[in-house]
Amino acid sequence: MEKNRNKQIILATVLISYFLIILSNSVIFTGIVDIQHELSLSTKTLSWVSNSYSLTFGGLLLLSGRLSDIFPKKIVFSVGIIIFGITSLLVGIANTGTLLILARAVQGIGASIIAPTSLALLLDTFDGMERTKAIALYGATAGIGSSVGLVLGGLFASLWTWRIGFLINFPLAAVLLVIVFKYVTSKTSKQAISIDYWGSILSILAVASLLYAMTADNNQIIFLIIGVILLAVFVILESRIVKLS
């Protein structure tokens, strides 16, 4: 009975953490006008509020999943929650565009850790039909969370402030962290697994340079060349890794 209760608590923790990731993006979408007005951001600068998060989240997703295969998932997941919670607070209190963009970039790192590790925790916790149901709920959270997140984000932005959507992440992350340490058990892979740090870094820098070349007011050609070079180096590096494997 107690084992089943622990499983349900872990499931709830995973689903809530995943929902918070989706909510953070939804709040940006619904509060974008207020953010621009409140922080006096240009249209090009405003685009980096979303770009910075997407770059780190997408660029580090595979790396974070790899880390959860090597190190105890409980520790990796906890680190993701800590990063996400603290940076959500920084986003919520940001008074400049620079701080907001930097906080969003680091928040993306936390989200990239939470997303794959939370799914891995479900696979470790559940078996058989229970695992199938848990993964189905996990997938449904993405769809439901996107819709509900937009509604909540709109309410926060219209009734109070867009900052609420990020500030509430901090206490929720603290609660989730306590639950993780109490109910989640650590499991470590015994296999020797290599980690492609450089591939993740190069992919982020390459895409960031290309995006900046498209949005910058000057030096577009320089950043375009840098982006193309970094992208070429990334392709060469990854092709060598594939051959060695």
C-alpha atoms as a PDB file:
ATOM      1  CA  MET A   1       0.000   0.000   0.000  1.00  0.00           C
ATOM      2  CA  GLU A   2       2.783   2.389   0.972  1.00  0.00           C
ATOM      3  CA  LYS A   3       4.748   1.471  -2.159  1.00  0.00           C
ATOM      4  CA  ASN A   4       1.744   2.311  -4.333  1.00  0.00           C
ATOM      5  CA  ARG A   5       1.296   5.629  -2.525  1.00  0.00           C
ATOM      6  CA  ASN A   6       4.946   6.502  -3.147  1.00  0.00           C
ATOM      7  CA  LYS A   7       4.502   5.741  -6.841  1.00  0.00           C
ATOM      8  CA  GLN A   8       1.530   8.084  -7.064  1.00  0.00           C
ATOM      9  CA  ILE A   9       3.462  10.830  -5.294  1.00  0.00           C
ATOM     10  CA  ILE A  10       6.368  10.440  -7.733  1.00  0.00           C
ATOM     11  CA  LEU A  11       3.937  10.512 -10.660  1.00  0.00           C
ATOM     12  CA  ALA A  12       2.327  13.702  -9.371  1.00  0.00           C
ATOM     13  CA  THR A  13       5.752  15.278  -8.836  1.00  0.00           C
ATOM     14  CA  VAL A  14       6.852  14.454 -12.378  1.00  0.00           C
ATOM     15  CA  LEU A  15       3.626  15.743 -13.952  1.00  0.00           C
ATOM     16  CA  ILE A  16       3.682  18.983 -11.945  1.00  0.00           C
ATOM     17  CA  SER A  17       7.327  19.660 -12.813  1.00  0.00           C
ATOM     18  CA  TYR A  18       6.581  19.054 -16.490  1.00  0.00           C
ATOM     19  CA  PHE A  19       3.540  21.321 -16.311  1.00  0.00           C
ATOM     20  CA  LEU A  20       5.650  24.141 -14.825  1.00  0.00           C
ATOM     21  CA  ILE A  21       7.961  24.001 -17.851  1.00  0.00           C
ATOM     22  CA  ILE A  22       5.013  24.388 -20.206  1.00  0.00           C
ATOM     23  CA  LEU A  23       3.419  27.118 -18.067  1.00  0.00           C
ATOM     24  CA  SER A  24       6.601  29.206 -18.190  1.00  0.00           C
ATOM     25  CA  ASN A  25       6.499  29.312 -21.969  1.00  0.00           C
ATOM     26  CA  SER A  26       2.772  30.023 -22.035  1.00  0.00           C
ATOM     27  CA  VAL A  27       3.171  33.005 -19.703  1.00  0.00           C
ATOM     28  CA  ILE A  28       5.761  34.500 -22.055  1.00  0.00           C
ATOM     29  CA  PHE A  29       3.389  34.177 -24.996  1.00  0.00           C
ATOM     30  CA  THR A  30       0.431  35.754 -23.209  1.00  0.00           C
ATOM     31  CA  GLY A  31       2.418  38.426 -21.387  1.00  0.00           C
ATOM     32  CA  ILE A  32       4.699  39.449 -24.250  1.00  0.00           C
ATOM     33  CA  VAL A  33       3.033  42.855 -24.750  1.00  0.00           C
ATOM     34  CA  ASP A  34       3.210  43.708 -21.048  1.00  0.00           C
ATOM     35  CA  ILE A  35       6.831  42.548 -20.876  1.00  0.00           C
ATOM     36  CA  GLN A  36       7.816  44.762 -23.797  1.00  0.00           C
ATOM     37  CA  HIS A  37       6.018  47.787 -22.349  1.00  0.00           C
ATOM     38  CA  GLU A  38       7.197  47.309 -18.762  1.00  0.00           C
ATOM     39  CA  LEU A  39      10.877  46.765 -19.606  1.00  0.00           C
ATOM     40  CA  SER A  40      10.944  49.056 -22.663  1.00  0.00           C
ATOM     41  CA  LEU A  41      12.279  46.354 -24.971  1.00  0.00           C
ATOM     42  CA  SER A  42      12.686  46.674 -28.708  1.00  0.00           C
ATOM     43  CA  THR A  43      11.008  44.084 -30.915  1.00  0.00           C
ATOM     44  CA  LYS A  44      14.351  42.442 -31.704  1.00  0.00           C
ATOM     45  CA  THR A  45      15.407  42.320 -28.061  1.00  0.00           C
ATOM     46  CA  LEU A  46      12.004  40.961 -27.110  1.00  0.00           C
ATOM     47  CA  SER A  47      12.455  38.004 -29.448  1.00  0.00           C
ATOM     48  CA  TRP A  48      15.424  36.864 -27.365  1.00  0.00           C
ATOM     49  CA  VAL A  49      13.219  36.414 -24.317  1.00  0.00           C
ATOM     50  CA  SER A  50      11.920  33.306 -26.076  1.00  0.00           C
ATOM     51  CA  ASN A  51      15.002  32.555 -28.187  1.00  0.00           C
ATOM     52  CA  SER A  52      17.366  32.309 -25.213  1.00  0.00           C
ATOM     53  CA  TYR A  53      15.133  29.749 -23.496  1.00  0.00           C
ATOM     54  CA  SER A  54      14.550  27.717 -26.649  1.00  0.00           C
ATOM     55  CA  LEU A  55      18.269  27.612 -27.475  1.00  0.00           C
ATOM     56  CA  THR A  56      19.413  26.243 -24.136  1.00  0.00           C
ATOM     57  CA  PHE A  57      16.425  23.956 -23.731  1.00  0.00           C
ATOM     58  CA  GLY A  58      16.660  22.399 -27.170  1.00  0.00           C
ATOM     59  CA  GLY A  59      20.449  22.452 -27.343  1.00  0.00           C
ATOM     60  CA  LEU A  60      20.995  20.715 -23.994  1.00  0.00           C
ATOM     61  CA  LEU A  61      18.061  18.292 -24.053  1.00  0.00           C
ATOM     62  CA  LEU A  62      20.084  15.321 -25.328  1.00  0.00           C
ATOM     63  CA  LEU A  63      23.022  16.136 -23.058  1.00  0.00           C
ATOM     64  CA  SER A  64      20.757  16.300 -20.008  1.00  0.00           C
ATOM     65  CA  GLY A  65      19.200  12.968 -20.928  1.00  0.00           C
ATOM     66  CA  ARG A  66      22.684  11.513 -21.212  1.00  0.00           C
ATOM     67  CA  LEU A  67      23.602  12.802 -17.758  1.00  0.00           C
ATOM     68  CA  SER A  68      20.536  11.133 -16.264  1.00  0.00           C
ATOM     69  CA  ASP A  69      21.780   7.828 -17.716  1.00  0.00           C
ATOM     70  CA  ILE A  70      25.118   8.166 -15.923  1.00  0.00           C
ATOM     71  CA  PHE A  71      24.413   9.915 -12.626  1.00  0.00           C
ATOM     72  CA  PRO A  72      21.631   9.174 -10.114  1.00  0.00           C
ATOM     73  CA  LYS A  73      18.376  10.458 -11.593  1.00  0.00           C
ATOM     74  CA  LYS A  74      17.300  11.757  -8.207  1.00  0.00           C
ATOM     75  CA  ILE A  75      20.323  14.085  -8.074  1.00  0.00           C
ATOM     76  CA  VAL A  76      20.070  15.187 -11.718  1.00  0.00           C
ATOM     77  CA  PHE A  77      16.338  15.845 -11.388  1.00  0.00           C
ATOM     78  CA  SER A  78      16.914  17.810  -8.176  1.00  0.00           C
ATOM     79  CA  VAL A  79      19.558  19.965  -9.846  1.00  0.00           C
ATOM     80  CA  GLY A  80      17.119  20.702 -12.665  1.00  0.00           C
ATOM     81  CA  ILE A  81      14.400  21.737 -10.214  1.00  0.00           C
ATOM     82  CA  ILE A  82      16.810  23.966  -8.268  1.00  0.00           C
ATOM     83  CA  ILE A  83      18.018  25.721 -11.423  1.00  0.00           C
ATOM     84  CA  PHE A  84      14.500  26.108 -12.762  1.00  0.00           C
ATOM     85  CA  GLY A  85      13.110  27.395  -9.455  1.00  0.00           C
ATOM     86  CA  ILE A  86      15.832  29.965  -8.825  1.00  0.00           C
ATOM     87  CA  THR A  87      15.854  31.291 -12.388  1.00  0.00           C
ATOM     88  CA  SER A  88      12.049  31.499 -12.384  1.00  0.00           C
ATOM     89  CA  LEU A  89      12.391  33.809  -9.388  1.00  0.00           C
ATOM     90  CA  LEU A  90      14.996  35.876 -11.239  1.00  0.00           C
ATOM     91  CA  VAL A  91      12.721  36.135 -14.278  1.00  0.00           C
ATOM     92  CA  GLY A  92       9.875  37.224 -12.025  1.00  0.00           C
ATOM     93  CA  ILE A  93      11.884  40.052 -10.447  1.00  0.00           C
ATOM     94  CA  ALA A  94      13.872  41.054 -13.543  1.00  0.00           C
ATOM     95  CA  ASN A  95      13.919  44.829 -14.034  1.00  0.00           C
ATOM     96  CA  THR A  96      16.012  44.902 -17.216  1.00  0.00           C
ATOM     97  CA  GLY A  97      15.853  43.095 -20.520  1.00  0.00           C
ATOM     98  CA  THR A  98      19.389  41.771 -20.079  1.00  0.00           C
ATOM     99  CA  LEU A  99      18.614  40.117 -16.738  1.00  0.00           C
ATOM    100  CA  LEU A 100      15.377  38.704 -18.123  1.00  0.00           C
ATOM    101  CA  ILE A 101      17.077  37.178 -21.171  1.00  0.00           C
ATOM    102  CA  LEU A 102      19.961  35.724 -19.147  1.00  0.00           C
ATOM    103  CA  ALA A 103      17.578  34.281 -16.556  1.00  0.00           C
ATOM    104  CA  ARG A 104      15.460  32.753 -19.310  1.00  0.00           C
ATOM    105  CA  ALA A 105      18.560  31.160 -20.854  1.00  0.00           C
ATOM    106  CA  VAL A 106      19.529  29.502 -17.566  1.00  0.00           C
ATOM    107  CA  GLN A 107      15.898  28.582 -16.956  1.00  0.00           C
ATOM    108  CA  GLY A 108      16.058  26.686 -20.238  1.00  0.00           C
ATOM    109  CA  ILE A 109      18.981  24.703 -18.856  1.00  0.00           C
ATOM    110  CA  GLY A 110      16.897  23.703 -15.851  1.00  0.00           C
ATOM    111  CA  ALA A 111      13.980  22.755 -18.087  1.00  0.00           C
ATOM    112  CA  SER A 112      16.268  20.677 -20.331  1.00  0.00           C
ATOM    113  CA  ILE A 113      17.296  18.682 -17.260  1.00  0.00           C
ATOM    114  CA  ILE A 114      13.782  18.229 -15.898  1.00  0.00           C
ATOM    115  CA  ALA A 115      12.152  17.077 -19.162  1.00  0.00           C
ATOM    116  CA  PRO A 116      14.177  13.914 -19.955  1.00  0.00           C
ATOM    117  CA  THR A 117      14.952  13.061 -16.336  1.00  0.00           C
ATOM    118  CA  SER A 118      11.306  13.203 -15.299  1.00  0.00           C
ATOM    119  CA  LEU A 119      10.415  10.708 -18.027  1.00  0.00           C
ATOM    120  CA  ALA A 120      13.314   8.492 -16.950  1.00  0.00           C
ATOM    121  CA  LEU A 121      11.981   8.550 -13.379  1.00  0.00           C
ATOM    122  CA  LEU A 122       8.646   7.251 -14.620  1.00  0.00           C
ATOM    123  CA  LEU A 123      10.378   4.396 -16.422  1.00  0.00           C
ATOM    124  CA  ASP A 124      12.284   3.520 -13.246  1.00  0.00           C
ATOM    125  CA  THR A 125       9.218   3.739 -11.012  1.00  0.00           C
ATOM    126  CA  PHE A 126       6.544   1.952 -13.050  1.00  0.00           C
ATOM    127  CA  ASP A 127       6.351  -1.358 -14.909  1.00  0.00           C
ATOM    128  CA  GLY A 128       3.879  -3.007 -17.272  1.00  0.00           C
ATOM    129  CA  MET A 129       0.472  -1.381 -17.608  1.00  0.00           C
ATOM    130  CA  GLU A 130       1.279   1.072 -14.839  1.00  0.00           C
ATOM    131  CA  ARG A 131       4.166   2.388 -16.929  1.00  0.00           C
ATOM    132  CA  THR A 132       1.924   2.698 -19.992  1.00  0.00           C
ATOM    133  CA  LYS A 133      -0.650   4.707 -18.030  1.00  0.00           C
ATOM    134  CA  ALA A 134       2.048   6.893 -16.474  1.00  0.00           C
ATOM    135  CA  ILE A 135       3.586   7.713 -19.860  1.00  0.00           C
ATOM    136  CA  ALA A 136       0.114   8.422 -21.288  1.00  0.00           C
ATOM    137  CA  LEU A 137      -0.510  10.913 -18.479  1.00  0.00           C
ATOM    138  CA  TYR A 138       2.904  12.420 -19.104  1.00  0.00           C
ATOM    139  CA  GLY A 139       2.079  12.913 -22.774  1.00  0.00           C
ATOM    140  CA  ALA A 140      -1.363  14.303 -21.976  1.00  0.00           C
ATOM    141  CA  THR A 141       0.218  16.855 -19.659  1.00  0.00           C
ATOM    142  CA  ALA A 142       1.982  18.407 -22.651  1.00  0.00           C
ATOM    143  CA  GLY A 143      -1.265  18.974 -24.527  1.00  0.00           C
ATOM    144  CA  ILE A 144      -3.414  19.931 -21.566  1.00  0.00           C
ATOM    145  CA  GLY A 145      -0.640  22.014 -20.058  1.00  0.00           C
ATOM    146  CA  SER A 146      -0.255  24.060 -23.233  1.00  0.00           C
ATOM    147  CA  SER A 147      -3.954  24.949 -23.283  1.00  0.00           C
ATOM    148  CA  VAL A 148      -4.357  25.514 -19.557  1.00  0.00           C
ATOM    149  CA  GLY A 149      -1.030  27.337 -19.436  1.00  0.00           C
ATOM    150  CA  LEU A 150      -2.213  29.886 -21.989  1.00  0.00           C
ATOM    151  CA  VAL A 151      -5.396  30.485 -19.992  1.00  0.00           C
ATOM    152  CA  LEU A 152      -3.523  30.863 -16.714  1.00  0.00           C
ATOM    153  CA  GLY A 153      -0.897  33.039 -18.347  1.00  0.00           C
ATOM    154  CA  GLY A 154      -3.616  35.268 -19.752  1.00  0.00           C
ATOM    155  CA  LEU A 155      -5.295  35.557 -16.337  1.00  0.00           C
ATOM    156  CA  PHE A 156      -2.015  36.410 -14.624  1.00  0.00           C
ATOM    157  CA  ALA A 157      -1.176  39.048 -17.232  1.00  0.00           C
ATOM    158  CA  SER A 158      -4.637  40.649 -17.282  1.00  0.00           C
ATOM    159  CA  LEU A 159      -5.655  40.455 -13.601  1.00  0.00           C
ATOM    160  CA  TRP A 160      -2.275  40.848 -11.873  1.00  0.00           C
ATOM    161  CA  THR A 161       1.039  40.721 -13.671  1.00  0.00           C
ATOM    162  CA  TRP A 162       2.896  38.334 -15.978  1.00  0.00           C
ATOM    163  CA  ARG A 163       5.507  37.997 -13.211  1.00  0.00           C
ATOM    164  CA  ILE A 164       3.148  35.853 -11.116  1.00  0.00           C
ATOM    165  CA  GLY A 165       3.480  33.026 -13.626  1.00  0.00           C
ATOM    166  CA  PHE A 166       7.190  32.803 -12.803  1.00  0.00           C
ATOM    167  CA  LEU A 167       7.190  33.746  -9.132  1.00  0.00           C
ATOM    168  CA  ILE A 168       4.879  30.854  -8.232  1.00  0.00           C
ATOM    169  CA  ASN A 169       7.437  28.442  -9.687  1.00  0.00           C
ATOM    170  CA  PHE A 170       9.865  29.177  -6.870  1.00  0.00           C
ATOM    171  CA  PRO A 171       7.765  27.902  -3.905  1.00  0.00           C
ATOM    172  CA  LEU A 172       6.392  25.048  -6.025  1.00  0.00           C
ATOM    173  CA  ALA A 173       9.938  24.025  -6.966  1.00  0.00           C
ATOM    174  CA  ALA A 174      10.892  24.065  -3.266  1.00  0.00           C
ATOM    175  CA  VAL A 175       7.986  21.743  -2.433  1.00  0.00           C
ATOM    176  CA  LEU A 176       8.873  19.426  -5.327  1.00  0.00           C
ATOM    177  CA  LEU A 177      12.479  19.313  -4.155  1.00  0.00           C
ATOM    178  CA  VAL A 178      11.436  18.173  -0.676  1.00  0.00           C
ATOM    179  CA  ILE A 179       9.206  15.476  -2.166  1.00  0.00           C
ATOM    180  CA  VAL A 180      11.985  14.249  -4.470  1.00  0.00           C
ATOM    181  CA  PHE A 181      14.449  13.823  -1.616  1.00  0.00           C
ATOM    182  CA  LYS A 182      11.832  12.037   0.479  1.00  0.00           C
ATOM    183  CA  TYR A 183      10.274   9.651  -2.025  1.00  0.00           C
ATOM    184  CA  VAL A 184      12.592   9.205  -5.021  1.00  0.00           C
ATOM    185  CA  THR A 185      15.350   6.599  -4.834  1.00  0.00           C
ATOM    186  CA  SER A 186      18.688   7.006  -6.584  1.00  0.00           C
ATOM    187  CA  LYS A 187      19.713   4.710  -9.406  1.00  0.00           C
ATOM    188  CA  THR A 188      23.016   4.874 -11.238  1.00  0.00           C
ATOM    189  CA  SER A 189      23.963   3.304 -14.552  1.00  0.00           C
ATOM    190  CA  LYS A 190      26.803   0.795 -14.354  1.00  0.00           C
ATOM    191  CA  GLN A 191      27.633   1.200 -18.032  1.00  0.00           C
ATOM    192  CA  ALA A 192      30.440   3.432 -19.244  1.00  0.00           C
ATOM    193  CA  ILE A 193      28.698   6.122 -21.306  1.00  0.00           C
ATOM    194  CA  SER A 194      30.459   8.931 -23.148  1.00  0.00           C
ATOM    195  CA  ILE A 195      29.099  12.485 -23.013  1.00  0.00           C
ATOM    196  CA  ASP A 196      29.199  14.824 -26.009  1.00  0.00           C
ATOM    197  CA  TYR A 197      29.704  18.156 -24.219  1.00  0.00           C
ATOM    198  CA  TRP A 198      31.285  19.900 -27.198  1.00  0.00           C
ATOM    199  CA  GLY A 199      28.483  18.888 -29.535  1.00  0.00           C
ATOM    200  CA  SER A 200      25.873  20.520 -27.309  1.00  0.00           C
ATOM    201  CA  ILE A 201      27.927  23.692 -26.841  1.00  0.00           C
ATOM    202  CA  LEU A 202      28.710  24.046 -30.539  1.00  0.00           C
ATOM    203  CA  SER A 203      25.085  23.504 -31.591  1.00  0.00           C
ATOM    204  CA  ILE A 204      23.868  26.226 -29.202  1.00  0.00           C
ATOM    205  CA  LEU A 205      26.546  28.730 -30.231  1.00  0.00           C
ATOM    206  CA  ALA A 206      26.000  28.037 -33.937  1.00  0.00           C
ATOM    207  CA  VAL A 207      22.229  28.508 -33.809  1.00  0.00           C
ATOM    208  CA  ALA A 208      22.570  31.544 -31.500  1.00  0.00           C
ATOM    209  CA  SER A 209      24.967  33.199 -33.960  1.00  0.00           C
ATOM    210  CA  LEU A 210      22.656  32.529 -36.896  1.00  0.00           C
ATOM    211  CA  LEU A 211      19.631  33.850 -35.008  1.00  0.00           C
ATOM    212  CA  TYR A 212      21.529  36.939 -33.902  1.00  0.00           C
ATOM    213  CA  ALA A 213      22.607  37.562 -37.503  1.00  0.00           C
ATOM    214  CA  MET A 214      18.918  37.615 -38.453  1.00  0.00           C
ATOM    215  CA  THR A 215      17.849  39.992 -35.676  1.00  0.00           C
ATOM    216  CA  ALA A 216      20.875  42.255 -35.104  1.00  0.00           C
ATOM    217  CA  ASP A 217      21.006  45.835 -36.352  1.00  0.00           C
ATOM    218  CA  ASN A 218      24.680  45.555 -37.273  1.00  0.00           C
ATOM    219  CA  ASN A 219      27.487  43.031 -37.763  1.00  0.00           C
ATOM    220  CA  GLN A 220      25.017  40.598 -39.329  1.00  0.00           C
ATOM    221  CA  ILE A 221      27.579  39.261 -41.799  1.00  0.00           C
ATOM    222  CA  ILE A 222      30.129  38.596 -39.048  1.00  0.00           C
ATOM    223  CA  PHE A 223      27.698  36.604 -36.932  1.00  0.00           C
ATOM    224  CA  LEU A 224      26.407  34.796 -40.008  1.00  0.00           C
ATOM    225  CA  ILE A 225      29.941  33.670 -40.886  1.00  0.00           C
ATOM    226  CA  ILE A 226      30.619  32.650 -37.274  1.00  0.00           C
ATOM    227  CA  GLY A 227      27.381  30.673 -37.197  1.00  0.00           C
ATOM    228  CA  VAL A 228      28.153  28.851 -40.441  1.00  0.00           C
ATOM    229  CA  ILE A 229      31.688  28.011 -39.274  1.00  0.00           C
ATOM    230  CA  LEU A 230      30.474  26.705 -35.918  1.00  0.00           C
ATOM    231  CA  LEU A 231      27.777  24.681 -37.657  1.00  0.00           C
ATOM    232  CA  ALA A 232      30.378  23.158 -39.985  1.00  0.00           C
ATOM    233  CA  VAL A 233      32.619  22.276 -37.033  1.00  0.00           C
ATOM    234  CA  PHE A 234      29.618  20.710 -35.285  1.00  0.00           C
ATOM    235  CA  VAL A 235      28.820  18.527 -38.317  1.00  0.00           C
ATOM    236  CA  ILE A 236      32.460  17.405 -38.622  1.00  0.00           C
ATOM    237  CA  LEU A 237      32.679  16.617 -34.913  1.00  0.00           C
ATOM    238  CA  GLU A 238      29.451  14.623 -34.867  1.00  0.00           C
ATOM    239  CA  SER A 239      30.395  12.687 -37.996  1.00  0.00           C
ATOM    240  CA  ARG A 240      33.658  11.631 -36.335  1.00  0.00           C
ATOM    241  CA  ILE A 241      31.807  10.544 -33.216  1.00  0.00           C
ATOM    242  CA  VAL A 242      29.425   8.437 -35.328  1.00  0.00           C
ATOM    243  CA  LYS A 243      32.360   6.772 -37.085  1.00  0.00           C
ATOM    244  CA  LEU A 244      34.116   6.006 -33.797  1.00  0.00           C
ATOM    245  CA  SER A 245      30.944   4.480 -32.333  1.00  0.00           C
END
